[in-house]
Protein backbone atom coordinates (compact mmCIF):
# COMPACT_ATOMS: atom_id res chain seq x y z
CA UNK A 1 120.54 86.06 106.68
CA UNK A 2 121.48 89.88 106.06
CA UNK A 3 119.67 90.05 103.08
CA UNK A 4 116.40 88.89 105.35
CA UNK A 5 117.08 91.31 107.78
CA UNK A 6 117.20 94.25 105.32
CA UNK A 7 114.12 93.23 103.97
CA UNK A 8 112.53 92.87 106.75
CA UNK A 9 113.69 96.68 107.57
CA UNK A 10 112.30 97.31 104.08
CA UNK A 11 108.69 96.03 105.10
CA UNK A 12 108.75 97.98 108.61
CA UNK A 13 109.53 100.91 106.75
CA UNK A 14 106.88 100.84 103.91
CA UNK A 15 104.33 99.72 106.74
CA UNK A 16 105.12 102.89 108.51
CA UNK A 17 105.11 105.10 105.57
CA UNK A 18 101.68 104.21 105.04
CA UNK A 19 100.05 105.97 108.55
CA UNK A 20 102.63 108.65 108.18
CA UNK A 21 101.02 109.43 104.71
CA UNK A 22 97.56 109.67 106.48
CA UNK A 23 99.31 111.81 109.35
CA UNK A 24 100.17 114.17 106.41
CA UNK A 25 96.45 113.69 105.00
CA UNK A 26 94.91 114.91 108.42
CA UNK A 27 97.14 117.87 108.80
CA UNK A 28 95.69 118.73 105.09
CA UNK A 29 92.13 118.34 106.44
CA UNK A 30 93.05 120.70 109.28
CA UNK A 31 94.44 123.01 106.49
CA UNK A 32 90.57 123.28 105.05
CA UNK A 33 91.30 120.33 102.12
CA UNK A 34 88.63 117.95 101.88
CA UNK A 35 88.88 114.47 102.02
CA UNK A 36 87.69 113.77 98.41
CA UNK A 37 90.19 115.86 97.12
CA UNK A 38 92.76 114.65 99.19
CA UNK A 39 92.02 110.90 97.99
CA UNK A 40 92.08 112.43 94.29
CA UNK A 41 95.20 114.25 94.39
CA UNK A 42 97.22 111.40 96.29
CA UNK A 43 96.22 108.60 93.58
CA UNK A 44 96.73 111.16 90.74
CA UNK A 45 100.42 112.11 92.35
CA UNK A 46 100.79 108.70 93.21
CA UNK A 47 100.74 107.34 89.54
CA UNK A 48 102.85 109.96 88.04
CA UNK A 49 105.25 109.57 90.61
CA UNK A 50 105.81 105.76 90.10
CA UNK A 51 105.28 105.82 86.45
CA UNK A 52 109.08 106.37 85.21
CA UNK A 53 109.84 103.31 87.40
CA UNK A 54 106.70 101.03 86.95
CA UNK A 55 107.47 99.82 83.26
CA UNK A 56 104.20 100.21 82.41
CA UNK A 57 103.56 99.70 78.77
CA UNK A 58 100.70 100.13 75.83
CA UNK A 59 100.30 96.44 75.85
CA UNK A 60 99.30 96.46 79.32
CA UNK A 61 96.93 99.34 78.98
CA UNK A 62 94.59 97.53 77.28
CA UNK A 63 94.01 94.89 80.30
CA UNK A 64 92.58 98.19 82.58
CA UNK A 65 89.40 97.02 80.93
CA UNK A 66 89.21 93.58 82.48
CA UNK A 67 86.46 93.45 84.75
CA UNK A 68 88.47 92.11 87.42
CA UNK A 69 91.08 94.95 87.59
CA UNK A 70 88.34 97.64 87.48
CA UNK A 71 86.74 95.93 90.78
CA UNK A 72 89.83 95.91 92.48
CA UNK A 73 90.49 99.35 91.84
CA UNK A 74 86.93 100.44 92.68
CA UNK A 75 87.74 98.62 96.42
CA UNK A 76 90.90 100.55 96.51
CA UNK A 77 89.36 103.81 95.77
CA UNK A 78 86.44 102.91 98.27
CA UNK A 79 88.90 101.95 101.04
CA UNK A 80 91.16 105.29 100.65
CA UNK A 81 87.95 107.71 100.51
CA UNK A 82 86.42 106.05 103.48
CA UNK A 83 90.00 106.07 105.78
CA UNK A 84 90.56 109.70 104.58
CA UNK A 85 87.41 110.85 105.65
CA UNK A 86 87.44 109.09 108.69
CA UNK A 87 90.89 110.65 109.68
CA UNK A 88 89.06 114.28 109.34
CA UNK A 89 87.69 113.98 113.04
CA UNK A 90 89.32 110.86 114.58
CA UNK A 91 92.70 110.31 115.72
CA UNK A 92 95.27 108.19 113.62
CA UNK A 93 95.43 105.46 116.23
CA UNK A 94 91.96 105.11 116.55
CA UNK A 95 91.00 105.25 112.94
CA UNK A 96 93.92 102.18 112.29
CA UNK A 97 92.33 100.15 114.89
CA UNK A 98 89.21 100.07 113.50
CA UNK A 99 90.52 100.12 110.14
CA UNK A 100 92.18 96.45 111.25
CA UNK A 101 88.75 94.95 110.56
CA UNK A 102 90.35 94.32 107.21
CA UNK A 103 92.45 91.62 107.31
CA UNK A 104 90.01 89.46 109.40
CA UNK A 105 87.31 89.85 107.00
CA UNK A 106 89.97 89.05 104.18
CA UNK A 107 91.08 85.94 106.14
CA UNK A 108 87.29 84.40 106.15
CA UNK A 109 86.47 85.92 102.59
CA UNK A 110 89.41 83.94 101.09
CA UNK A 111 88.24 80.77 102.84
CA UNK A 112 84.79 81.56 101.13
CA UNK A 113 85.94 82.49 97.84
CA UNK A 114 89.31 81.34 97.02
CA UNK A 115 89.14 78.09 99.28
CA UNK A 116 92.10 78.99 101.29
CA UNK A 117 92.75 76.65 104.26
CA UNK A 118 90.73 78.04 107.28
CA UNK A 119 91.96 76.81 110.82
CA UNK A 120 90.25 76.51 114.28
CA UNK A 121 93.46 77.96 115.98
CA UNK A 122 93.63 81.07 113.57
CA UNK A 123 90.07 81.42 113.34
CA UNK A 124 89.79 81.94 117.62
CA UNK A 125 92.55 84.41 117.49
CA UNK A 126 90.72 86.27 114.54
CA UNK A 127 87.74 86.59 116.57
CA UNK A 128 89.87 88.06 119.49
CA UNK A 129 91.13 90.18 116.80
CA UNK A 130 87.72 91.54 116.11
CA UNK A 131 86.82 91.79 119.57
CA UNK A 132 89.70 94.38 120.08
CA UNK A 133 88.28 96.22 116.94
CA UNK A 134 85.00 96.57 118.44
CA UNK A 135 86.64 98.00 121.33
CA UNK A 136 88.14 100.53 119.38
CA UNK A 137 84.80 101.26 117.10
CA UNK A 138 82.35 101.03 120.26
CA UNK A 139 79.34 100.08 118.00
CA UNK A 140 76.18 101.29 119.60
CA UNK A 141 77.69 103.34 122.72
CA UNK A 142 80.50 105.64 121.50
CA UNK A 143 80.58 105.04 117.61
CA UNK A 144 81.21 108.00 115.69
CA UNK A 145 80.63 108.82 112.19
CA UNK A 146 84.36 109.07 111.81
CA UNK A 147 85.06 105.45 112.97
CA UNK A 148 81.76 104.12 110.94
CA UNK A 149 83.84 105.56 107.80
CA UNK A 150 87.11 103.62 109.45
CA UNK A 151 85.22 100.45 109.80
CA UNK A 152 83.70 100.75 106.19
CA UNK A 153 87.25 101.50 105.05
CA UNK A 154 88.29 98.16 106.68
CA UNK A 155 85.62 96.08 104.84
CA UNK A 156 86.55 97.64 101.44
CA UNK A 157 90.08 96.69 102.48
CA UNK A 158 89.36 93.06 103.21
CA UNK A 159 87.69 92.86 100.20
CA UNK A 160 90.72 94.46 98.38
CA UNK A 161 93.02 92.27 100.14
CA UNK A 162 91.10 89.02 98.64
CA UNK A 163 91.16 90.49 95.19
CA UNK A 164 94.83 90.85 95.63
CA UNK A 165 95.34 87.09 95.94
CA UNK A 166 92.57 86.37 93.25
CA UNK A 167 94.82 88.58 90.58
CA UNK A 168 98.38 87.83 91.75
CA UNK A 169 98.68 85.00 89.27
CA UNK A 170 97.56 86.82 86.78
CA UNK A 171 99.11 90.13 86.64
CA UNK A 172 102.81 91.57 87.52
CA UNK A 173 102.40 93.59 91.07
CA UNK A 174 103.71 97.01 89.79
CA UNK A 175 100.90 96.69 86.81
CA UNK A 176 98.39 96.07 89.46
CA UNK A 177 99.53 98.91 91.72
CA UNK A 178 99.61 101.69 88.79
CA UNK A 179 96.27 100.37 87.33
CA UNK A 180 94.62 101.01 90.90
CA UNK A 181 96.14 104.42 91.10
CA UNK A 182 95.10 105.24 87.23
CA UNK A 183 91.52 103.85 87.77
CA UNK A 184 91.04 105.70 91.11
CA UNK A 185 92.47 108.84 89.65
CA UNK A 186 89.77 108.70 86.55
CA UNK A 187 86.98 107.88 88.89
CA UNK A 188 87.67 110.71 91.49
CA UNK A 189 88.49 113.32 88.82
CA UNK A 190 84.54 114.67 88.72
CA UNK A 191 84.52 114.89 92.72
CA UNK A 192 88.13 116.17 93.20
CA UNK A 193 88.33 118.56 90.82
CA UNK A 194 85.18 120.43 92.59
CA UNK A 195 86.95 120.64 95.64
CA UNK A 196 90.30 122.00 94.72
CA UNK A 197 91.32 124.22 97.72
CA UNK A 198 93.63 127.42 97.39
CA UNK A 199 97.23 125.56 97.40
CA UNK A 200 99.64 127.12 99.69
CA UNK A 201 103.09 126.04 100.06
CA UNK A 202 102.34 124.17 103.29
CA UNK A 203 99.60 122.54 101.63
CA UNK A 204 101.21 121.68 98.65
CA UNK A 205 104.38 120.18 100.71
CA UNK A 206 101.55 118.22 102.68
CA UNK A 207 100.03 116.83 99.37
CA UNK A 208 103.44 115.60 98.20
CA UNK A 209 104.60 114.20 101.24
CA UNK A 210 101.03 112.14 101.28
CA UNK A 211 101.19 110.87 97.93
CA UNK A 212 105.18 109.92 98.49
CA UNK A 213 104.42 108.00 101.57
CA UNK A 214 101.54 106.06 100.08
CA UNK A 215 102.81 105.04 96.95
CA UNK A 216 106.27 104.33 98.05
CA UNK A 217 105.16 102.30 101.28
CA UNK A 218 102.83 100.26 99.01
CA UNK A 219 105.68 99.75 96.42
CA UNK A 220 108.26 98.83 99.11
CA UNK A 221 105.92 96.05 100.44
CA UNK A 222 105.35 94.69 97.28
CA UNK A 223 108.88 94.56 96.27
CA UNK A 224 109.70 93.09 99.52
CA UNK A 225 106.81 90.42 99.22
CA UNK A 226 108.01 89.03 96.34
CA UNK A 227 111.25 88.04 98.13
CA UNK A 228 109.91 86.64 101.63
CA UNK A 229 107.03 84.17 102.43
CA UNK A 230 103.81 85.53 103.33
CA UNK A 231 103.82 83.99 106.69
CA UNK A 232 106.96 86.23 107.25
CA UNK A 233 105.44 89.49 105.85
CA UNK A 234 102.11 89.07 107.45
CA UNK A 235 102.72 90.05 110.89
CA UNK A 236 104.10 93.12 109.99
CA UNK A 237 101.05 94.79 108.87
CA UNK A 238 100.47 94.97 112.48
CA UNK A 239 103.30 97.82 112.60
CA UNK A 240 100.82 100.02 111.13
CA UNK A 241 99.15 100.43 114.31
CA UNK A 242 102.26 101.00 116.37
CA UNK A 243 103.44 103.78 113.67
CA UNK A 244 99.68 104.80 113.59
CA UNK A 245 99.74 105.56 117.54
CA UNK A 246 103.18 106.87 117.79
CA UNK A 247 102.42 109.74 114.89
CA UNK A 248 98.87 110.40 116.76
CA UNK A 249 100.95 111.09 119.91
CA UNK A 250 103.80 113.22 118.42
CA UNK A 251 101.89 115.10 115.71
CA UNK A 252 98.39 115.86 117.21
CA UNK A 253 99.10 114.95 121.13
CA UNK A 254 96.27 112.70 120.74
CA UNK A 255 96.18 109.51 123.01
CA UNK A 256 93.63 106.40 122.29
CA UNK A 257 91.39 106.59 125.48
CA UNK A 258 91.56 103.88 127.93
CA UNK A 259 89.06 101.35 125.85
CA UNK A 260 90.87 102.19 122.33
CA UNK A 261 94.29 101.44 123.95
CA UNK A 262 92.98 97.95 125.25
CA UNK A 263 91.53 97.44 121.71
CA UNK A 264 94.46 98.27 119.89
CA UNK A 265 96.60 95.83 122.29
CA UNK A 266 94.13 93.05 121.94
CA UNK A 267 94.04 93.38 118.27
CA UNK A 268 98.14 93.55 117.94
CA UNK A 269 98.34 90.74 119.88
CA UNK A 270 96.13 88.39 118.53
CA UNK A 271 97.86 89.53 114.97
CA UNK A 272 101.32 88.32 116.45
CA UNK A 273 99.92 85.15 117.62
CA UNK A 274 98.01 84.13 114.74
CA UNK A 275 101.13 84.71 112.56
CA UNK A 276 103.00 82.17 115.08
CA UNK A 277 100.52 79.74 114.62
CA UNK A 278 100.42 79.96 110.86
CA UNK A 279 104.33 79.97 110.88
CA UNK A 280 104.33 76.77 113.03
CA UNK A 281 101.91 75.06 110.78
CA UNK A 282 104.21 76.23 107.78
CA UNK A 283 107.46 75.05 109.20
């Protein structure tokens, strides 16, 4: 029991580190850094920081040519690039609200492509969650370019989640993470190097914080997920919404508007209820 509690604390920490890294990224955009440079530097620094503990070997490098690994990495790059573009102009809380269209997409896509079980009760709850995401995105009567990029990031991330399940049995988790960071760095290098700003000590610190938070957040989640059932890990994804809202208020003094706040509450509630339904069926 004590070990399970510690693992849950690990997951919450990992989930919170991801919006924390994006908070640092938003501060970087305010300091003059381009989103594409932040994406590139985050992936490159993440790869270098995790390389000593990744146990990556030469035989695994040959696997980087696997088209499935490349497709997964490109989905990851697209999601990261879009969400960093979104946070340049939007609050962290609203971006994560729009971004959470991703788990909804992954649920139905996994059912279609991977033949995972789709139930009526969970589908209804996910559609309710989708309605909450729409309240945040406000398509057609309040949607901004930033929220459009956040929604696109969610779409790419939903496909990325399905690719994780697709490859989980074929490769070890740390190799999958490192392959995404390496391929992403290579793909974004031609764009990132043309946008390198004048690096001040303040920007250098934010770059390190953004890369560390993102890399170790994902690594913590992967490691904890190996020791806990998926039905326990799943609901903690929604703690990112809470963390994103808290960071948005504390760092930027930005509160979601009333409609967006309702959407965030609906989205969070539907996620927890969906987990409870799934857990009951598993038990």
